[in-house]
């Protein structure tokens, strides 16, 4: 019996790398998408193959060009013979005041964080339907899918749109046995957030977060792996927040200033 095939974008570091490791450990053959860090992606593929005996193919993804990204995915899926899981993990962060944001950066963030994930999901879903064995799509959004942040007009809007896209896809694809969910991390100790690889989140104090620290990428990856598995067959169209309780604290600062806590 052939192994299930999982595609993970942004797999060269951080959350994406941990998702790839988790899915490899569960017996998935992998397609690892990466942007600029081909060396790290290759090393990860070799590590997973050696540890778990699964295939790990690489695909260079230029998510700033959604047409190209879709063609790149289609080519590698033709080569590996299908897809059972797509994890749209890759993304870029951006902070700029509303009055200072420019069209070029708005379009770049939307291309990477929304349009390319949509196009990749289109391709994956079409193949899953044709294969007739269902599938899993997991979109990694952000806590800012749900709550705003100053300077986050572009980033928050793109992530919120990806969250609603997740729900629409879930509704349309459910009759085909395809679930579509989102995982929305809060601050996570990854290179994208200027935390060196290997530094444990427990060494970083975050008093404003109830858990007292950022998240570990492995903790986010475990949610993605669950949603990609058979145990989540009845879970679709939802967004699971993994933020150490950050979104629970919206009124705390105001209450402190008012002398209520």
Protein backbone atom coordinates (compact mmCIF):
# COMPACT_ATOMS: atom_id res chain seq x y z
CA UNK A 1 0.00 0.00 0.00
CA UNK A 2 1.38 3.41 -0.98
CA UNK A 3 2.03 6.03 1.66
CA UNK A 4 -0.03 9.25 1.82
CA UNK A 5 1.64 12.27 0.23
CA UNK A 6 1.82 15.59 2.11
CA UNK A 7 2.89 18.97 0.73
CA UNK A 8 4.24 21.52 3.21
CA UNK A 9 5.13 25.04 2.06
CA UNK A 10 7.69 27.13 3.89
CA UNK A 11 9.28 23.92 5.10
CA UNK A 12 12.91 24.99 5.36
CA UNK A 13 12.61 26.35 8.92
CA UNK A 14 10.32 27.18 11.82
CA UNK A 15 6.80 25.84 11.93
CA UNK A 16 7.01 24.38 8.43
CA UNK A 17 10.07 22.29 9.24
CA UNK A 18 8.42 20.94 12.37
CA UNK A 19 5.24 20.09 10.45
CA UNK A 20 7.33 18.18 7.91
CA UNK A 21 9.09 16.28 10.69
CA UNK A 22 5.78 15.42 12.36
CA UNK A 23 4.15 14.21 9.15
CA UNK A 24 7.24 12.24 8.17
CA UNK A 25 7.17 10.52 11.55
CA UNK A 26 3.55 9.56 10.86
CA UNK A 27 4.54 7.88 7.60
CA UNK A 28 3.78 10.51 4.96
CA UNK A 29 5.87 10.89 1.85
CA UNK A 30 6.65 14.58 1.63
CA UNK A 31 6.96 17.44 -0.81
CA UNK A 32 8.86 20.23 0.92
CA UNK A 33 8.32 23.69 -0.51
CA UNK A 34 10.92 26.36 0.15
CA UNK A 35 11.73 29.91 -0.89
CA UNK A 36 15.38 30.91 -0.77
CA UNK A 37 16.94 28.44 1.65
CA UNK A 38 17.51 25.40 -0.55
CA UNK A 39 20.34 24.13 1.66
CA UNK A 40 18.16 23.95 4.78
CA UNK A 41 15.34 22.29 2.83
CA UNK A 42 17.72 19.67 1.42
CA UNK A 43 19.16 18.93 4.87
CA UNK A 44 15.67 18.55 6.31
CA UNK A 45 14.63 16.19 3.51
CA UNK A 46 17.68 14.01 4.13
CA UNK A 47 17.03 14.01 7.88
CA UNK A 48 13.42 12.91 7.45
CA UNK A 49 14.26 10.25 4.89
CA UNK A 50 16.99 8.79 7.08
CA UNK A 51 14.86 8.82 10.23
CA UNK A 52 11.56 7.54 8.85
CA UNK A 53 12.25 5.86 5.49
CA UNK A 54 9.80 8.06 3.60
CA UNK A 55 10.32 10.01 0.38
CA UNK A 56 11.00 13.73 0.67
CA UNK A 57 11.00 15.72 -2.57
CA UNK A 58 11.82 19.41 -2.84
CA UNK A 59 10.07 22.17 -4.77
CA UNK A 60 11.25 25.76 -5.04
CA UNK A 61 8.17 27.90 -4.61
CA UNK A 62 7.98 31.55 -5.63
CA UNK A 63 4.80 32.49 -3.81
CA UNK A 64 5.08 36.12 -4.88
CA UNK A 65 3.90 34.86 -8.29
CA UNK A 66 0.74 32.79 -7.74
CA UNK A 67 0.57 31.58 -11.35
CA UNK A 68 4.14 30.29 -11.17
CA UNK A 69 3.62 28.79 -7.70
CA UNK A 70 0.64 26.80 -8.97
CA UNK A 71 2.57 25.54 -12.00
CA UNK A 72 5.48 24.54 -9.77
CA UNK A 73 3.16 22.56 -7.50
CA UNK A 74 1.37 20.90 -10.41
CA UNK A 75 4.69 19.75 -11.87
CA UNK A 76 5.89 18.14 -8.64
CA UNK A 77 2.51 16.50 -7.97
CA UNK A 78 2.60 14.98 -11.46
CA UNK A 79 6.03 13.58 -10.57
CA UNK A 80 5.12 12.13 -7.16
CA UNK A 81 1.73 10.83 -8.22
CA UNK A 82 -0.84 12.77 -6.20
CA UNK A 83 -1.51 14.51 -2.91
CA UNK A 84 -3.40 13.69 0.29
CA UNK A 85 -2.42 16.58 2.55
CA UNK A 86 -1.62 20.22 1.76
CA UNK A 87 -0.25 22.47 4.50
CA UNK A 88 -0.18 26.10 3.40
CA UNK A 89 2.37 27.24 5.95
CA UNK A 90 4.58 29.74 4.10
CA UNK A 91 3.97 33.40 4.80
CA UNK A 92 5.57 36.79 5.27
CA UNK A 93 5.12 39.31 8.05
CA UNK A 94 4.61 43.01 7.51
CA UNK A 95 4.10 46.09 9.66
CA UNK A 96 3.24 49.53 8.27
CA UNK A 97 0.85 52.27 9.33
CA UNK A 98 -2.37 52.47 7.34
CA UNK A 99 -1.43 55.93 6.06
CA UNK A 100 2.03 54.77 5.01
CA UNK A 101 1.35 51.37 3.42
CA UNK A 102 2.01 51.17 -0.32
CA UNK A 103 0.40 49.20 -3.11
CA UNK A 104 3.50 47.16 -3.89
CA UNK A 105 3.81 45.72 -0.38
CA UNK A 106 0.05 45.25 -0.07
CA UNK A 107 0.06 43.16 -3.25
CA UNK A 108 3.21 41.24 -2.25
CA UNK A 109 1.80 40.23 1.15
CA UNK A 110 -1.53 39.23 -0.35
CA UNK A 111 0.19 37.20 -3.06
CA UNK A 112 2.23 35.19 -0.55
CA UNK A 113 -0.26 34.98 2.33
CA UNK A 114 -3.54 34.59 0.44
CA UNK A 115 -3.51 34.24 -3.34
CA UNK A 116 -0.80 31.59 -3.61
CA UNK A 117 -2.31 29.48 -0.81
CA UNK A 118 -5.63 29.69 -2.65
CA UNK A 119 -4.09 28.63 -5.95
CA UNK A 120 -2.18 25.75 -4.34
CA UNK A 121 -5.34 24.61 -2.59
CA UNK A 122 -7.19 24.71 -5.91
CA UNK A 123 -4.68 22.34 -7.47
CA UNK A 124 -4.54 20.06 -4.44
CA UNK A 125 -8.33 19.90 -4.07
CA UNK A 126 -8.85 19.07 -7.74
CA UNK A 127 -6.43 16.17 -7.46
CA UNK A 128 -7.94 14.97 -4.20
CA UNK A 129 -11.39 14.92 -5.81
CA UNK A 130 -10.08 13.02 -8.83
CA UNK A 131 -8.28 10.51 -6.58
CA UNK A 132 -11.52 9.80 -4.73
CA UNK A 133 -9.99 9.14 -1.32
CA UNK A 134 -10.60 12.49 0.40
CA UNK A 135 -7.86 14.66 1.80
CA UNK A 136 -6.75 17.32 4.24
CA UNK A 137 -5.94 20.99 3.70
CA UNK A 138 -4.53 22.99 6.61
CA UNK A 139 -3.90 26.73 6.31
CA UNK A 140 -1.53 28.26 8.84
CA UNK A 141 -2.95 31.72 9.48
CA UNK A 142 -2.14 33.75 12.60
CA UNK A 143 -3.75 34.94 15.77
CA UNK A 144 -4.12 38.12 13.70
CA UNK A 145 -6.68 36.31 11.62
CA UNK A 146 -8.87 37.05 14.64
CA UNK A 147 -7.44 40.13 16.40
CA UNK A 148 -5.84 43.27 14.97
CA UNK A 149 -2.42 44.72 15.71
CA UNK A 150 -1.16 48.25 15.15
CA UNK A 151 0.67 48.41 11.83
CA UNK A 152 -0.91 45.17 10.66
CA UNK A 153 -3.43 46.38 8.08
CA UNK A 154 -1.97 44.33 5.23
CA UNK A 155 -0.91 41.29 7.25
CA UNK A 156 -4.10 41.08 9.30
CA UNK A 157 -6.34 41.56 6.26
CA UNK A 158 -4.58 38.79 4.33
CA UNK A 159 -4.67 36.35 7.24
CA UNK A 160 -8.33 37.12 7.98
CA UNK A 161 -9.15 36.53 4.33
CA UNK A 162 -7.32 33.19 4.42
CA UNK A 163 -9.37 32.27 7.49
CA UNK A 164 -12.65 32.95 5.68
CA UNK A 165 -11.38 31.19 2.57
CA UNK A 166 -10.77 28.17 4.82
CA UNK A 167 -14.44 28.12 5.78
CA UNK A 168 -15.70 28.44 2.20
CA UNK A 169 -13.35 25.70 1.00
CA UNK A 170 -14.47 23.47 3.88
CA UNK A 171 -18.10 23.96 2.92
CA UNK A 172 -17.55 23.19 -0.75
CA UNK A 173 -15.12 20.29 -0.35
CA UNK A 174 -16.82 18.39 2.49
CA UNK A 175 -18.93 16.25 0.09
CA UNK A 176 -15.65 14.91 -1.31
CA UNK A 177 -14.28 13.86 2.07
CA UNK A 178 -11.82 16.75 2.13
CA UNK A 179 -11.49 18.71 5.37
CA UNK A 180 -10.13 22.25 5.41
CA UNK A 181 -9.02 23.89 8.65
CA UNK A 182 -6.78 26.68 9.90
CA UNK A 183 -4.23 26.82 12.68
CA UNK A 184 -3.74 30.34 14.03
CA UNK A 185 -0.48 30.70 16.00
CA UNK A 186 0.34 33.54 18.32
CA UNK A 187 3.94 34.58 18.80
CA UNK A 188 6.08 31.54 18.04
CA UNK A 189 9.81 31.15 18.64
CA UNK A 190 10.99 30.88 15.03
CA UNK A 191 13.59 32.58 12.81
CA UNK A 192 10.74 34.55 11.20
CA UNK A 193 10.24 36.17 14.61
CA UNK A 194 13.99 36.73 15.08
CA UNK A 195 14.49 33.73 17.38
CA UNK A 196 17.49 31.59 16.36
CA UNK A 197 16.72 27.99 15.47
CA UNK A 198 17.16 25.77 18.49
CA UNK A 199 16.44 28.40 21.15
CA UNK A 200 13.70 27.11 23.43
CA UNK A 201 10.69 29.35 23.89
CA UNK A 202 10.91 28.82 27.66
CA UNK A 203 14.01 31.03 27.72
CA UNK A 204 12.04 34.01 26.37
CA UNK A 205 9.94 35.90 28.92
CA UNK A 206 6.59 37.23 27.73
CA UNK A 207 4.75 38.50 30.83
CA UNK A 208 1.79 39.71 28.77
CA UNK A 209 1.05 36.17 27.57
CA UNK A 210 -0.69 34.05 30.23
CA UNK A 211 1.59 31.12 29.42
CA UNK A 212 4.55 33.45 30.08
CA UNK A 213 6.43 32.59 26.87
CA UNK A 214 6.06 32.36 23.09
CA UNK A 215 4.96 29.11 21.50
CA UNK A 216 7.28 26.38 20.32
CA UNK A 217 7.03 25.54 16.61
CA UNK A 218 6.60 21.89 17.60
CA UNK A 219 3.45 22.83 19.52
CA UNK A 220 1.91 24.40 16.43
CA UNK A 221 3.07 21.49 14.27
CA UNK A 222 1.31 18.99 16.53
CA UNK A 223 -2.02 20.70 15.83
CA UNK A 224 -1.37 20.67 12.11
CA UNK A 225 -0.46 16.98 12.23
CA UNK A 226 -3.67 16.22 14.14
CA UNK A 227 -5.79 18.05 11.57
CA UNK A 228 -3.98 16.17 8.81
CA UNK A 229 -4.83 12.80 10.36
CA UNK A 230 -7.72 10.38 10.41
CA UNK A 231 -8.75 11.45 13.90
CA UNK A 232 -9.81 14.87 12.59
CA UNK A 233 -12.13 13.52 9.89
CA UNK A 234 -15.13 15.23 11.51
CA UNK A 235 -13.38 18.58 12.06
CA UNK A 236 -13.65 21.05 9.21
CA UNK A 237 -14.02 24.78 8.65
CA UNK A 238 -12.55 25.73 12.00
CA UNK A 239 -9.59 27.85 13.09
CA UNK A 240 -7.68 26.58 16.12
CA UNK A 241 -5.83 29.32 18.00
CA UNK A 242 -2.51 28.36 19.60
CA UNK A 243 -1.39 31.49 21.43
CA UNK A 244 -0.71 30.65 25.09
CA UNK A 245 -3.81 32.61 26.05
CA UNK A 246 -2.78 35.89 24.41
CA UNK A 247 -6.22 36.62 22.98
CA UNK A 248 -7.74 36.25 26.46
CA UNK A 249 -5.99 39.37 27.71
CA UNK A 250 -7.63 42.10 25.61
CA UNK A 251 -9.21 43.88 28.59
CA UNK A 252 -6.44 43.22 31.12
CA UNK A 253 -4.27 46.27 30.41
CA UNK A 254 -7.27 48.59 30.49
CA UNK A 255 -8.52 47.05 33.73
CA UNK A 256 -5.07 47.49 35.28
CA UNK A 257 -5.00 51.16 34.34
CA UNK A 258 -8.46 51.55 35.83
CA UNK A 259 -7.31 49.95 39.08
CA UNK A 260 -9.62 46.97 38.68
CA UNK A 261 -6.89 44.29 38.89
